[in-house]
N, C-alpha and C. Protein backbone atom coordinates (compact mmCIF):
# COMPACT_ATOMS: atom_id res chain seq x y z
N UNK A 1 -6.08 14.87 -15.49
CA UNK A 1 -5.68 13.77 -14.65
C UNK A 1 -5.94 12.45 -15.36
N UNK A 2 -5.01 11.54 -15.21
CA UNK A 2 -5.09 10.24 -15.87
C UNK A 2 -4.93 9.12 -14.86
N UNK A 3 -5.20 7.93 -15.31
CA UNK A 3 -4.93 6.73 -14.52
C UNK A 3 -3.77 6.00 -15.16
N UNK A 4 -3.00 5.30 -14.34
CA UNK A 4 -1.82 4.60 -14.82
C UNK A 4 -1.79 3.21 -14.20
N UNK A 5 -1.57 2.18 -15.01
CA UNK A 5 -1.47 0.81 -14.54
C UNK A 5 -0.12 0.25 -14.95
N UNK A 6 0.62 -0.27 -13.97
CA UNK A 6 1.88 -0.95 -14.24
C UNK A 6 1.73 -2.37 -13.74
N UNK A 7 1.93 -3.32 -14.63
CA UNK A 7 1.79 -4.73 -14.29
C UNK A 7 3.10 -5.43 -14.61
N UNK A 8 3.59 -6.20 -13.65
CA UNK A 8 4.85 -6.92 -13.81
C UNK A 8 4.55 -8.41 -13.73
N UNK A 9 4.86 -9.13 -14.78
CA UNK A 9 4.68 -10.57 -14.78
C UNK A 9 5.86 -11.25 -14.09
N UNK A 10 5.55 -12.28 -13.31
CA UNK A 10 6.60 -12.98 -12.55
C UNK A 10 6.40 -14.49 -12.68
N UNK A 11 7.38 -15.21 -12.18
CA UNK A 11 7.19 -16.64 -11.96
C UNK A 11 6.27 -16.77 -10.75
N UNK A 12 5.89 -17.95 -10.39
CA UNK A 12 5.00 -18.19 -9.25
C UNK A 12 5.58 -17.56 -7.99
N UNK A 13 4.80 -16.65 -7.36
CA UNK A 13 5.23 -15.97 -6.14
C UNK A 13 4.72 -16.71 -4.91
N UNK A 14 5.57 -16.97 -3.93
CA UNK A 14 5.07 -17.52 -2.67
C UNK A 14 4.17 -16.50 -1.98
N UNK A 15 3.12 -16.95 -1.31
CA UNK A 15 2.15 -16.05 -0.68
C UNK A 15 2.82 -15.11 0.32
N UNK A 16 3.76 -15.59 1.09
CA UNK A 16 4.44 -14.75 2.08
C UNK A 16 5.20 -13.62 1.40
N UNK A 17 5.87 -13.90 0.31
CA UNK A 17 6.60 -12.88 -0.43
C UNK A 17 5.64 -11.86 -1.04
N UNK A 18 4.56 -12.35 -1.62
CA UNK A 18 3.60 -11.47 -2.28
C UNK A 18 3.03 -10.45 -1.30
N UNK A 19 2.71 -10.87 -0.09
CA UNK A 19 2.14 -9.93 0.89
C UNK A 19 3.15 -8.89 1.35
N UNK A 20 4.42 -9.23 1.36
CA UNK A 20 5.44 -8.25 1.78
C UNK A 20 5.79 -7.26 0.66
N UNK A 21 5.50 -7.63 -0.58
CA UNK A 21 5.80 -6.77 -1.72
C UNK A 21 4.91 -5.54 -1.77
N UNK A 22 3.65 -5.69 -1.40
CA UNK A 22 2.67 -4.62 -1.57
C UNK A 22 3.09 -3.31 -0.92
N UNK A 23 3.37 -3.26 0.39
CA UNK A 23 3.74 -1.95 0.98
C UNK A 23 5.05 -1.39 0.42
N UNK A 24 6.00 -2.28 0.11
CA UNK A 24 7.27 -1.81 -0.44
C UNK A 24 7.08 -1.19 -1.82
N UNK A 25 6.30 -1.85 -2.64
CA UNK A 25 6.07 -1.36 -4.01
C UNK A 25 5.32 -0.03 -3.99
N UNK A 26 4.29 0.08 -3.15
CA UNK A 26 3.55 1.34 -3.03
C UNK A 26 4.47 2.47 -2.59
N UNK A 27 5.33 2.20 -1.61
CA UNK A 27 6.24 3.22 -1.11
C UNK A 27 7.23 3.66 -2.18
N UNK A 28 7.79 2.71 -2.92
CA UNK A 28 8.76 3.06 -3.95
C UNK A 28 8.14 3.83 -5.10
N UNK A 29 6.95 3.43 -5.53
CA UNK A 29 6.28 4.15 -6.61
C UNK A 29 5.92 5.57 -6.16
N UNK A 30 5.40 5.69 -4.95
CA UNK A 30 5.05 7.00 -4.40
C UNK A 30 6.29 7.90 -4.33
N UNK A 31 7.39 7.36 -3.83
CA UNK A 31 8.64 8.12 -3.74
C UNK A 31 9.10 8.59 -5.11
N UNK A 32 9.09 7.70 -6.08
CA UNK A 32 9.55 8.06 -7.43
C UNK A 32 8.66 9.12 -8.08
N UNK A 33 7.34 9.01 -7.87
CA UNK A 33 6.44 10.02 -8.42
C UNK A 33 6.68 11.39 -7.77
N UNK A 34 6.88 11.39 -6.45
CA UNK A 34 7.17 12.66 -5.76
C UNK A 34 8.49 13.26 -6.24
N UNK A 35 9.51 12.42 -6.40
CA UNK A 35 10.81 12.90 -6.88
C UNK A 35 10.70 13.46 -8.30
N UNK A 36 9.79 12.92 -9.08
CA UNK A 36 9.57 13.39 -10.45
C UNK A 36 8.59 14.55 -10.51
N UNK A 37 8.12 14.99 -9.33
CA UNK A 37 7.18 16.11 -9.20
C UNK A 37 5.87 15.83 -9.94
N UNK A 38 5.42 14.59 -9.91
CA UNK A 38 4.15 14.21 -10.52
C UNK A 38 3.11 14.02 -9.42
N UNK A 39 2.03 14.76 -9.52
CA UNK A 39 0.96 14.65 -8.53
C UNK A 39 0.06 13.46 -8.86
N UNK A 40 -0.53 12.91 -7.80
CA UNK A 40 -1.47 11.81 -7.97
C UNK A 40 -2.44 11.80 -6.80
N UNK A 41 -3.57 11.13 -6.98
CA UNK A 41 -4.56 11.05 -5.92
C UNK A 41 -4.36 9.83 -5.03
N UNK A 42 -4.16 8.66 -5.65
CA UNK A 42 -4.11 7.43 -4.88
C UNK A 42 -3.28 6.38 -5.60
N UNK A 43 -2.60 5.55 -4.81
CA UNK A 43 -1.86 4.42 -5.34
C UNK A 43 -2.43 3.15 -4.73
N UNK A 44 -2.76 2.19 -5.58
CA UNK A 44 -3.23 0.88 -5.12
C UNK A 44 -2.29 -0.17 -5.68
N UNK A 45 -1.91 -1.10 -4.83
CA UNK A 45 -1.00 -2.15 -5.25
C UNK A 45 -1.58 -3.50 -4.83
N UNK A 46 -1.37 -4.51 -5.65
CA UNK A 46 -1.84 -5.85 -5.32
C UNK A 46 -1.00 -6.87 -6.06
N UNK A 47 -1.21 -8.12 -5.71
CA UNK A 47 -0.49 -9.21 -6.36
C UNK A 47 -1.43 -10.37 -6.65
N UNK A 48 -1.03 -11.16 -7.60
CA UNK A 48 -1.61 -12.46 -7.85
C UNK A 48 -0.42 -13.42 -7.83
N UNK A 49 -0.63 -14.71 -7.92
CA UNK A 49 0.54 -15.62 -7.92
C UNK A 49 1.55 -15.35 -9.03
N UNK A 50 1.11 -14.72 -10.14
CA UNK A 50 2.04 -14.48 -11.25
C UNK A 50 2.14 -13.03 -11.68
N UNK A 51 1.62 -12.11 -10.87
CA UNK A 51 1.67 -10.70 -11.24
C UNK A 51 1.78 -9.80 -10.01
N UNK A 52 2.46 -8.69 -10.20
CA UNK A 52 2.46 -7.59 -9.24
C UNK A 52 1.97 -6.39 -10.03
N UNK A 53 1.03 -5.65 -9.47
CA UNK A 53 0.58 -4.47 -10.20
C UNK A 53 0.34 -3.30 -9.27
N UNK A 54 0.49 -2.12 -9.85
CA UNK A 54 0.21 -0.87 -9.15
C UNK A 54 -0.71 -0.06 -10.05
N UNK A 55 -1.72 0.55 -9.45
CA UNK A 55 -2.67 1.38 -10.17
C UNK A 55 -2.66 2.76 -9.54
N UNK A 56 -2.31 3.76 -10.32
CA UNK A 56 -2.23 5.14 -9.83
C UNK A 56 -3.42 5.91 -10.43
N UNK A 57 -4.24 6.49 -9.56
CA UNK A 57 -5.38 7.28 -10.02
C UNK A 57 -5.07 8.76 -9.87
N UNK A 58 -5.63 9.55 -10.75
CA UNK A 58 -5.46 10.99 -10.70
C UNK A 58 -4.04 11.45 -10.94
N UNK A 59 -3.33 10.78 -11.81
CA UNK A 59 -1.95 11.14 -12.12
C UNK A 59 -1.93 12.35 -13.05
N UNK A 60 -1.14 13.35 -12.68
CA UNK A 60 -1.07 14.55 -13.51
C UNK A 60 -0.35 14.24 -14.82
N UNK A 61 -0.68 14.99 -15.84
CA UNK A 61 -0.11 14.73 -17.17
C UNK A 61 1.27 15.36 -17.35
N UNK A 62 1.66 16.24 -16.41
CA UNK A 62 2.99 16.85 -16.49
C UNK A 62 3.48 17.13 -15.07
N UNK A 63 4.78 17.28 -14.95
CA UNK A 63 5.35 17.54 -13.62
C UNK A 63 5.21 19.01 -13.24
N UNK A 64 5.26 19.26 -11.95
CA UNK A 64 5.20 20.62 -11.44
C UNK A 64 6.49 21.36 -11.77
N UNK A 65 6.39 22.67 -11.94
CA UNK A 65 7.56 23.50 -12.20
C UNK A 65 8.39 23.66 -10.92
N UNK A 66 9.68 23.88 -11.10
CA UNK A 66 10.53 24.25 -9.96
C UNK A 66 10.20 25.69 -9.59
N UNK A 67 10.22 25.99 -8.32
CA UNK A 67 9.94 27.35 -7.87
C UNK A 67 11.15 27.95 -7.22
């Protein structure tokens, strides 16, 4: 199991926009990992005025086999 950090640099984000990004970003990353059959323990997402980041803990190193 590994950890994964994705950080996206942005122009200055308005506070209202930044707070709405967090649940959407977590949902999209979770969906994409499930579609790719990659297991993970937890997804954490946050923002700063110039960054959006997601941190995935316990990410498997390979996808599950089709059954």
